[in-house]
Amino acid sequence: MKGTMSLILGGGQGSRLYPLTKDRSKPAVPIGGKFRLIDIPITNCLRSNLNRIFIVTQFNSESLNKHISHTYSFDNFHHGFVNLLAAEQTITSRDWYQGTADAVRKNLRHILAYNDVKHVLILSGDQIYNMNFKRLINYHKSNGFELTISVIPVHEKNAQFFGIMKVNKNAEILKFVEKPKESDLLKECESREYIRKNYPDIEENKDYLASMGIYLFNAETLINALDNTYSDFGKEIIPAAISNNKVGAYFFNGYWEDVGLIKTFLEANLDFTNKKPKFDLYKQMLYTHARFLPPSKIYNCRITQAMVCEGSIINGAEIKKSIIGIRSIIKKNVKIENSLIMGADYYEKKFDLDMNRSRNILNIGIGENCIIKNAIIDKNVRIGKNCRIINKNNIKNHESEKYYIKDYIVIIPKNTILEDNTII
């Protein structure tokens, strides 16, 4: 849509998703076996005819930059773009981004270089959802809002993890509290009446409206809102805007998941394998990098409720409720359950395999007789024979050189080598 610029926030160090963010920024983390998290907000923008998109990041941006440049290239007769804005030193600032608002502030000059920009849509890079932004923009205009925040109902037990707001009958936001911990403060933002009106089929006890981290600003409103030293949207910018501007809530009634935690990240991925997933990749296909890989080869396997991505070679494995990513190599008698196998960035050619043999290095892939349960195996991992990745001692959290455990989930970082007979 004309007059609207999209800005996707890549987030900080992504510590909650570590070690998946050890060598990549959060938006570049692979999902669904073949996509990246950043593909979701970009797809939503492009399908809404929003084709001028900036992505702001400052940590481990090489992988993200490579994905963006290889995937989202428009022809010379197209006015759209998807550009990465990495943190940079300028005459006016030599600091890293101090928060979400500071990141936008330091990139305003790139946005305002386009003098037809009337609205700025600010999105997060670590959420799974399908939204038509045209409806949001039209809603924003028709109600005369200067800032519109997309909201979704949540249970009281989850409200403390979000920005929670109180609205009036005209959907104007009267109060906004970022991650309220005090029960009295939370009760002041209870919105049962308006939730039942806008979500007639909503389940019981979802009595609070949570910010989805999707903000639509009038350009002038955004400029004025950032004319200060505030660093964060939820804690500072939005509460101040409510006092000075007409701020409204856009009621979203669909699947939305913040995958900023290892637990929610794995759960969202495994949900893709369900017969009726909450986010159906067959109905809501995502744009991503075209790799031109061959079909997968599967020999003598037993596969139940799984997604197997292209270019994989699987021999005699048993796979249950799992995702097998691109170029996965899985040998005989391997058992995989409730796990995300991200696959590999490349195939090892004969020269590579000969070199591995001469240096006594394992090949990329999963060796014979391995068992993997409730785990995330990152890309290019080399797992030897007879390994057990099962959280044998039922540990909740643990860190070591070759593996991590978070919320009982075992994560094997990218490029890790696990020798034969390893037990985790």
Protein backbone atom coordinates (compact mmCIF):
# COMPACT_ATOMS: atom_id res chain seq x y z
CA MET A 1 0.00 0.00 0.00
CA LYS A 2 1.26 3.45 -0.91
CA GLY A 3 2.52 5.68 1.83
CA THR A 4 3.42 2.92 4.31
CA MET A 5 6.96 1.85 5.23
CA SER A 6 7.58 -1.40 7.13
CA LEU A 7 10.32 -1.71 9.73
CA ILE A 8 11.13 -5.14 11.21
CA LEU A 9 13.05 -5.17 14.48
CA GLY A 10 15.63 -7.92 14.56
CA GLY A 11 16.03 -7.81 18.33
CA GLY A 12 19.16 -7.86 20.45
CA GLN A 13 21.49 -10.72 21.27
CA GLY A 14 18.63 -13.22 21.42
CA SER A 15 19.81 -14.64 24.73
CA ARG A 16 16.54 -16.50 25.36
CA LEU A 17 17.01 -18.48 22.12
CA TYR A 18 20.70 -19.12 22.76
CA PRO A 19 22.55 -21.24 21.52
CA LEU A 20 20.45 -21.03 18.32
CA THR A 21 21.54 -17.37 18.21
CA LYS A 22 25.19 -18.14 18.91
CA ASP A 23 26.21 -17.68 15.25
CA ARG A 24 23.16 -15.90 13.82
CA SER A 25 20.71 -13.12 14.65
CA LYS A 26 17.30 -14.07 16.00
CA PRO A 27 15.38 -13.40 12.73
CA ALA A 28 17.78 -15.73 10.90
CA VAL A 29 16.98 -18.75 13.10
CA PRO A 30 15.61 -21.59 10.90
CA ILE A 31 12.03 -22.81 11.41
CA GLY A 32 9.86 -25.45 9.77
CA GLY A 33 12.85 -27.26 8.28
CA LYS A 34 13.46 -24.81 5.41
CA PHE A 35 12.39 -21.29 6.40
CA ARG A 36 13.76 -18.51 8.62
CA LEU A 37 11.86 -16.54 11.25
CA ILE A 38 12.29 -13.36 9.22
CA ASP A 39 10.33 -14.93 6.33
CA ILE A 40 7.08 -14.61 8.34
CA PRO A 41 6.86 -10.81 8.76
CA ILE A 42 8.27 -10.28 5.25
CA THR A 43 5.66 -12.63 3.75
CA ASN A 44 2.88 -10.86 5.66
CA CYS A 45 4.14 -7.51 4.31
CA LEU A 46 4.45 -8.62 0.69
CA ARG A 47 1.01 -10.26 0.70
CA SER A 48 -0.39 -6.98 2.03
CA ASN A 49 1.23 -5.06 -0.86
CA LEU A 50 3.78 -3.52 1.49
CA ASN A 51 6.98 -3.88 -0.49
CA ARG A 52 9.25 -1.29 1.10
CA ILE A 53 10.78 -3.09 4.05
CA PHE A 54 13.71 -2.27 6.33
CA ILE A 55 15.12 -4.82 8.79
CA VAL A 56 17.02 -3.48 11.80
CA THR A 57 19.63 -5.64 13.51
CA GLN A 58 23.01 -5.34 15.19
CA PHE A 59 24.10 -8.82 16.33
CA ASN A 60 25.45 -11.62 14.11
CA SER A 61 23.89 -10.09 11.01
CA GLU A 62 25.99 -11.92 8.37
CA SER A 63 23.68 -14.95 8.12
CA LEU A 64 20.58 -12.75 7.96
CA ASN A 65 22.16 -10.45 5.38
CA LYS A 66 23.03 -13.44 3.19
CA HIS A 67 19.48 -14.82 3.40
CA ILE A 68 17.88 -11.45 2.60
CA SER A 69 20.18 -10.69 -0.34
CA HIS A 70 19.70 -14.17 -1.86
CA THR A 71 15.94 -14.29 -1.36
CA TYR A 72 14.27 -10.90 -1.71
CA SER A 73 15.56 -9.28 -4.90
CA PHE A 74 13.16 -7.26 -7.03
CA ASP A 75 13.68 -6.41 -10.69
CA ASN A 76 14.94 -3.02 -11.92
CA PHE A 77 11.40 -1.87 -12.75
CA HIS A 78 10.10 -2.50 -9.23
CA HIS A 79 10.10 0.22 -6.57
CA GLY A 80 10.06 -2.22 -3.67
CA PHE A 81 13.00 -3.43 -1.57
CA VAL A 82 13.93 -5.49 1.47
CA ASN A 83 17.02 -3.89 3.00
CA LEU A 84 19.01 -4.70 6.11
CA LEU A 85 19.97 -1.81 8.41
CA ALA A 86 22.85 -2.90 10.64
CA ALA A 87 23.92 -0.71 13.55
CA GLU A 88 26.35 1.93 12.34
CA GLN A 89 28.33 4.82 13.70
CA THR A 90 27.27 8.26 12.51
CA ILE A 91 28.17 11.86 13.25
CA THR A 92 25.29 12.07 15.72
CA SER A 93 25.70 8.65 17.37
CA ARG A 94 28.51 6.17 17.94
CA ASP A 95 26.61 3.84 20.31
CA TRP A 96 24.89 0.48 19.90
CA TYR A 97 21.10 0.47 19.93
CA GLN A 98 19.94 0.96 23.51
CA GLY A 99 16.51 -0.59 22.96
CA THR A 100 13.69 -1.01 20.44
CA ALA A 101 12.80 2.68 20.33
CA ASP A 102 16.44 3.72 20.08
CA ALA A 103 16.91 1.35 17.14
CA VAL A 104 14.05 3.02 15.27
CA ARG A 105 15.22 6.51 16.23
CA LYS A 106 18.69 5.92 14.82
CA ASN A 107 17.21 4.74 11.52
CA LEU A 108 14.53 7.40 11.07
CA ARG A 109 16.66 9.14 8.46
CA HIS A 110 16.46 6.08 6.20
CA ILE A 111 12.66 6.00 6.52
CA LEU A 112 12.14 9.73 6.07
CA ALA A 113 14.32 9.76 2.98
CA TYR A 114 11.09 8.71 1.23
CA ASN A 115 8.95 11.85 1.35
CA ASP A 116 5.69 10.02 0.56
CA VAL A 117 5.75 8.02 3.80
CA LYS A 118 2.56 8.67 5.80
CA HIS A 119 2.60 5.60 8.03
CA VAL A 120 5.30 3.41 9.56
CA LEU A 121 4.50 -0.21 10.44
CA ILE A 122 6.85 -1.59 13.12
CA LEU A 123 7.06 -5.38 13.48
CA SER A 124 8.99 -7.95 15.50
CA GLY A 125 11.17 -10.59 13.91
CA ASP A 126 10.45 -13.52 16.25
CA GLN A 127 6.73 -14.24 15.92
CA ILE A 128 4.63 -16.74 13.98
CA TYR A 129 1.33 -15.41 12.63
CA ASN A 130 -0.59 -14.61 9.46
CA MET A 131 -2.00 -11.08 9.21
CA ASN A 132 -3.41 -8.92 6.45
CA PHE A 133 -1.88 -5.54 7.21
CA LYS A 134 -4.27 -3.84 4.79
CA ARG A 135 -7.05 -4.35 7.33
CA LEU A 136 -4.91 -2.91 10.09
CA ILE A 137 -4.04 0.17 8.02
CA ASN A 138 -7.64 0.77 6.94
CA TYR A 139 -8.82 0.34 10.54
CA HIS A 140 -6.18 2.83 11.70
CA LYS A 141 -7.26 5.41 9.13
CA SER A 142 -11.02 4.99 9.57
CA ASN A 143 -10.77 5.48 13.34
CA GLY A 144 -8.47 8.46 13.08
CA PHE A 145 -5.84 6.88 15.32
CA GLU A 146 -2.32 8.31 15.41
CA LEU A 147 -0.91 5.05 16.76
CA THR A 148 -2.57 1.63 16.54
CA ILE A 149 -1.36 -1.39 18.48
CA SER A 150 -2.39 -4.87 17.41
CA VAL A 151 -3.67 -6.83 20.41
CA ILE A 152 -4.64 -10.37 21.30
CA PRO A 153 -6.44 -11.82 24.37
CA VAL A 154 -4.36 -13.71 26.95
CA HIS A 155 -4.93 -15.53 30.24
CA GLU A 156 -4.15 -13.77 33.50
CA LYS A 157 -1.31 -16.23 34.16
CA ASN A 158 0.41 -15.12 30.94
CA ALA A 159 -0.33 -11.40 31.20
CA GLN A 160 2.85 -10.69 33.15
CA PHE A 161 4.92 -11.54 30.09
CA PHE A 162 3.33 -8.94 27.78
CA GLY A 163 2.42 -5.29 27.51
CA ILE A 164 -1.16 -5.16 28.85
CA MET A 165 -3.66 -2.40 28.12
CA LYS A 166 -7.04 -1.05 29.16
CA VAL A 167 -9.38 0.17 26.38
CA ASN A 168 -12.65 2.09 26.24
CA LYS A 169 -15.75 1.28 24.16
CA ASN A 170 -14.21 3.05 21.14
CA ALA A 171 -11.12 0.83 21.28
CA GLU A 172 -8.99 3.74 22.45
CA ILE A 173 -6.20 2.68 24.78
CA LEU A 174 -6.48 4.35 28.18
CA LYS A 175 -3.68 2.62 30.03
CA PHE A 176 -0.64 0.53 29.04
CA VAL A 177 1.59 -1.42 31.42
CA GLU A 178 4.64 -3.36 30.29
CA LYS A 179 4.82 -6.84 31.87
CA PRO A 180 2.82 -6.07 35.04
CA LYS A 181 3.81 -8.18 38.05
CA GLU A 182 1.60 -6.60 40.76
CA SER A 183 -1.91 -8.09 40.89
CA ASP A 184 -3.55 -4.72 41.66
CA LEU A 185 -1.93 -3.13 38.62
CA LEU A 186 -2.99 -6.05 36.47
CA LYS A 187 -6.61 -5.89 37.65
CA GLU A 188 -6.79 -2.25 36.55
CA CYS A 189 -6.23 -3.44 32.97
CA GLU A 190 -8.86 -6.20 32.98
CA SER A 191 -10.85 -6.01 29.69
CA ARG A 192 -13.36 -8.86 29.89
CA GLU A 193 -16.27 -6.83 28.50
CA TYR A 194 -14.48 -5.66 25.37
CA ILE A 195 -12.88 -9.03 24.75
CA ARG A 196 -16.27 -10.79 24.79
CA LYS A 197 -17.58 -8.16 22.36
CA ASN A 198 -14.74 -8.49 19.85
CA TYR A 199 -13.98 -12.19 20.37
CA PRO A 200 -17.39 -13.88 20.87
CA ASP A 201 -15.90 -17.38 20.60
CA ILE A 202 -12.93 -16.75 22.90
CA GLU A 203 -12.21 -19.30 25.62
CA GLU A 204 -12.93 -18.44 29.25
CA ASN A 205 -10.43 -16.56 31.43
CA LYS A 206 -8.74 -14.74 28.57
CA ASP A 207 -9.59 -11.40 30.12
CA TYR A 208 -6.57 -9.28 29.24
CA LEU A 209 -5.46 -7.58 26.03
CA ALA A 210 -1.78 -8.08 25.22
CA SER A 211 0.33 -6.17 22.75
CA MET A 212 1.54 -8.27 19.83
CA GLY A 213 4.52 -5.96 19.26
CA ILE A 214 2.91 -4.69 16.04
CA TYR A 215 2.66 -0.90 15.92
CA LEU A 216 1.28 1.35 13.18
CA PHE A 217 2.34 5.00 13.57
CA ASN A 218 1.47 8.08 11.63
CA ALA A 219 4.88 9.25 10.44
CA GLU A 220 4.62 12.58 12.26
CA THR A 221 3.48 10.86 15.44
CA LEU A 222 6.50 8.54 15.32
CA ILE A 223 8.88 11.47 14.85
CA ASN A 224 7.43 13.29 17.84
CA ALA A 225 7.32 10.12 19.97
CA LEU A 226 11.05 9.57 19.42
CA ASP A 227 12.08 13.17 20.10
CA ASN A 228 13.55 12.24 23.49
CA THR A 229 15.96 9.77 25.06
CA TYR A 230 13.45 6.97 25.61
CA SER A 231 14.88 3.60 24.62
CA ASP A 232 11.94 1.18 24.76
CA PHE A 233 8.49 1.18 23.12
CA GLY A 234 6.61 -0.81 25.75
CA LYS A 235 8.05 0.80 28.86
CA GLU A 236 8.31 4.40 27.69
CA ILE A 237 7.16 5.38 24.18
CA ILE A 238 3.65 3.89 24.27
CA PRO A 239 2.66 5.13 27.77
CA ALA A 240 3.81 8.62 26.77
CA ALA A 241 1.93 8.44 23.46
CA ILE A 242 -1.31 7.54 25.24
CA SER A 243 -1.07 10.86 27.10
CA ASN A 244 -0.40 12.90 23.96
CA ASN A 245 -2.06 11.10 21.06
CA LYS A 246 -5.12 9.15 20.00
CA VAL A 247 -3.93 5.57 20.46
CA GLY A 248 -6.13 2.63 19.53
CA ALA A 249 -6.24 -1.16 19.73
CA TYR A 250 -6.65 -3.41 16.69
CA PHE A 251 -8.29 -6.67 17.72
CA PHE A 252 -6.57 -9.65 16.06
CA ASN A 253 -8.42 -12.95 16.11
CA GLY A 254 -6.00 -15.55 14.82
CA TYR A 255 -3.00 -17.67 15.71
CA TRP A 256 -0.04 -15.73 17.05
CA GLU A 257 2.97 -17.11 18.88
CA ASP A 258 6.00 -15.35 20.28
CA VAL A 259 8.83 -17.85 19.80
CA GLY A 260 11.44 -16.00 21.81
CA LEU A 261 11.96 -18.97 24.16
CA ILE A 262 13.44 -22.38 23.33
CA LYS A 263 10.32 -24.12 24.69
CA THR A 264 7.82 -22.09 22.63
CA PHE A 265 10.14 -22.28 19.61
CA LEU A 266 10.19 -26.10 19.64
CA GLU A 267 6.46 -26.36 20.39
CA ALA A 268 5.60 -24.06 17.47
CA ASN A 269 7.79 -26.08 15.12
CA LEU A 270 6.34 -29.43 16.19
CA ASP A 271 2.83 -28.00 15.76
CA PHE A 272 3.57 -27.76 12.02
CA THR A 273 3.45 -31.58 11.93
CA ASN A 274 -0.13 -31.80 13.25
CA LYS A 275 -2.95 -32.77 10.93
CA LYS A 276 -4.56 -29.38 11.59
CA PRO A 277 -1.70 -27.10 12.66
CA LYS A 278 -2.38 -23.68 14.16
CA PHE A 279 -0.20 -22.17 11.43
CA ASP A 280 -0.72 -24.22 8.28
CA LEU A 281 2.28 -24.01 5.94
CA TYR A 282 0.17 -25.53 3.16
CA LYS A 283 -2.44 -22.76 3.33
CA GLN A 284 -0.10 -19.92 4.30
CA MET A 285 3.01 -20.70 2.27
CA LEU A 286 5.97 -18.55 3.21
CA TYR A 287 8.38 -16.87 0.85
CA THR A 288 11.95 -18.07 1.38
CA HIS A 289 15.20 -18.80 -0.42
CA ALA A 290 14.76 -21.06 -3.48
CA ARG A 291 17.42 -23.76 -3.22
CA PHE A 292 16.60 -26.12 -6.13
CA LEU A 293 17.34 -29.21 -4.08
CA PRO A 294 16.51 -32.77 -5.21
CA PRO A 295 13.60 -34.68 -3.65
CA SER A 296 14.31 -36.54 -0.43
CA LYS A 297 15.28 -40.24 -0.57
CA ILE A 298 13.72 -42.43 2.12
CA TYR A 299 14.59 -46.13 2.51
CA ASN A 300 12.87 -48.65 4.81
CA CYS A 301 11.68 -46.01 7.29
CA ARG A 302 8.75 -45.74 9.65
CA ILE A 303 7.60 -42.13 9.76
CA THR A 304 4.65 -40.97 11.87
CA GLN A 305 3.43 -37.34 11.94
CA ALA A 306 6.51 -35.67 10.53
CA MET A 307 7.67 -33.18 7.92
CA VAL A 308 10.64 -34.17 5.77
CA CYS A 309 12.18 -31.35 3.78
CA GLU A 310 13.83 -31.62 0.39
CA GLY A 311 17.33 -32.90 -0.24
CA SER A 312 17.36 -35.35 2.69
CA ILE A 313 18.62 -38.95 2.64
CA ILE A 314 17.10 -41.17 5.36
CA ASN A 315 17.88 -44.87 5.67
CA GLY A 316 16.05 -47.23 8.02
CA ALA A 317 14.99 -44.62 10.59
CA GLU A 318 11.95 -44.35 12.87
CA ILE A 319 10.65 -40.79 13.11
CA LYS A 320 7.74 -39.56 15.26
CA LYS A 321 6.32 -36.02 15.51
CA SER A 322 9.47 -34.33 14.24
CA ILE A 323 10.74 -32.02 11.53
CA ILE A 324 13.62 -33.13 9.32
CA GLY A 325 15.28 -30.11 7.74
CA ILE A 326 16.89 -29.66 4.34
CA ARG A 327 19.87 -31.86 3.38
CA SER A 328 19.51 -34.06 6.48
CA ILE A 329 21.57 -37.26 6.39
CA ILE A 330 20.19 -39.92 8.75
CA LYS A 331 21.69 -43.43 8.91
CA LYS A 332 20.24 -46.85 9.84
CA ASN A 333 18.31 -47.64 13.02
CA VAL A 334 18.03 -44.02 14.15
CA LYS A 335 15.03 -43.10 16.32
CA ILE A 336 13.86 -39.48 16.41
CA GLU A 337 10.91 -38.24 18.46
CA ASN A 338 9.52 -34.77 19.29
CA SER A 339 12.58 -33.14 17.78
CA LEU A 340 13.66 -30.52 15.27
CA ILE A 341 16.52 -31.57 13.01
CA MET A 342 17.62 -28.45 11.12
CA GLY A 343 19.70 -30.29 8.52
CA ALA A 344 22.71 -28.81 6.74
CA ASP A 345 23.80 -25.78 4.74
CA TYR A 346 25.64 -27.90 2.17
CA TYR A 347 26.40 -31.43 1.01
CA GLU A 348 29.83 -32.89 1.65
CA LYS A 349 31.33 -33.89 -1.68
CA LYS A 350 33.67 -36.84 -2.26
CA PHE A 351 36.70 -34.66 -1.58
CA ASP A 352 35.20 -33.58 1.76
CA LEU A 353 34.34 -37.14 2.75
CA ASP A 354 37.84 -38.35 1.86
CA MET A 355 39.32 -35.51 3.89
CA ASN A 356 37.08 -36.40 6.85
CA ARG A 357 38.24 -39.99 6.63
CA SER A 358 41.92 -39.08 6.50
CA ARG A 359 41.56 -36.79 9.52
CA ASN A 360 39.24 -39.13 11.42
CA ILE A 361 36.41 -36.57 11.40
CA LEU A 362 32.74 -37.57 11.40
CA ASN A 363 30.62 -36.75 8.36
CA ILE A 364 27.74 -34.28 8.66
CA GLY A 365 24.56 -36.06 9.71
CA ILE A 366 23.29 -38.55 12.28
CA GLY A 367 25.12 -41.87 12.59
CA GLU A 368 23.70 -45.36 13.00
CA ASN A 369 21.77 -46.54 16.08
CA CYS A 370 21.21 -43.09 17.58
CA ILE A 371 18.22 -42.06 19.70
CA ILE A 372 17.11 -38.41 19.75
CA LYS A 373 14.15 -37.23 21.84
CA ASN A 374 12.83 -33.77 22.77
CA ALA A 375 15.81 -32.09 21.14
CA ILE A 376 16.88 -29.44 18.65
CA ILE A 377 19.79 -30.39 16.41
CA ASP A 378 21.15 -27.27 14.72
CA LYS A 379 22.69 -27.18 11.24
CA ASN A 380 25.83 -29.00 10.11
CA VAL A 381 26.02 -31.13 13.27
CA ARG A 382 28.09 -34.34 13.13
CA ILE A 383 26.71 -37.08 15.35
CA GLY A 384 28.52 -40.41 15.59
CA LYS A 385 27.16 -43.94 16.04
CA ASN A 386 25.22 -45.20 19.07
CA CYS A 387 24.58 -41.73 20.55
CA ARG A 388 21.73 -41.03 22.98
CA ILE A 389 20.39 -37.46 23.06
CA ILE A 390 17.56 -37.98 25.52
CA ASN A 391 18.28 -35.82 28.61
CA LYS A 392 19.05 -39.04 30.50
CA ASN A 393 19.10 -37.39 33.94
CA ASN A 394 16.01 -35.22 33.34
CA ILE A 395 17.93 -31.97 33.87
CA LYS A 396 16.00 -28.72 33.46
CA ASN A 397 18.86 -26.39 32.52
CA HIS A 398 22.52 -27.02 31.74
CA GLU A 399 25.34 -25.52 29.67
CA SER A 400 28.46 -27.22 28.36
CA GLU A 401 30.83 -26.97 25.41
CA LYS A 402 28.91 -29.32 23.10
CA TYR A 403 25.30 -29.14 24.25
CA TYR A 404 22.78 -27.07 26.20
CA ILE A 405 19.62 -28.00 28.04
CA LYS A 406 16.82 -25.44 28.44
CA ASP A 407 13.45 -26.34 29.96
CA TYR A 408 14.45 -30.03 29.62
CA ILE A 409 15.06 -29.59 25.87
CA VAL A 410 18.51 -30.63 24.59
CA ILE A 411 20.07 -28.29 22.03
CA ILE A 412 23.10 -29.29 19.96
CA PRO A 413 24.62 -26.06 18.56
CA LYS A 414 25.54 -25.50 14.94
CA ASN A 415 28.69 -27.27 13.65
CA THR A 416 29.05 -29.37 16.83
CA ILE A 417 30.73 -32.81 16.71
CA LEU A 418 29.43 -35.58 19.00
CA GLU A 419 31.69 -38.63 18.99
CA ASP A 420 30.45 -42.25 18.90
CA ASN A 421 28.62 -43.49 22.00
CA THR A 422 27.93 -40.00 23.41
CA ILE A 423 25.12 -39.98 25.98
CA ILE A 424 23.33 -36.78 26.99
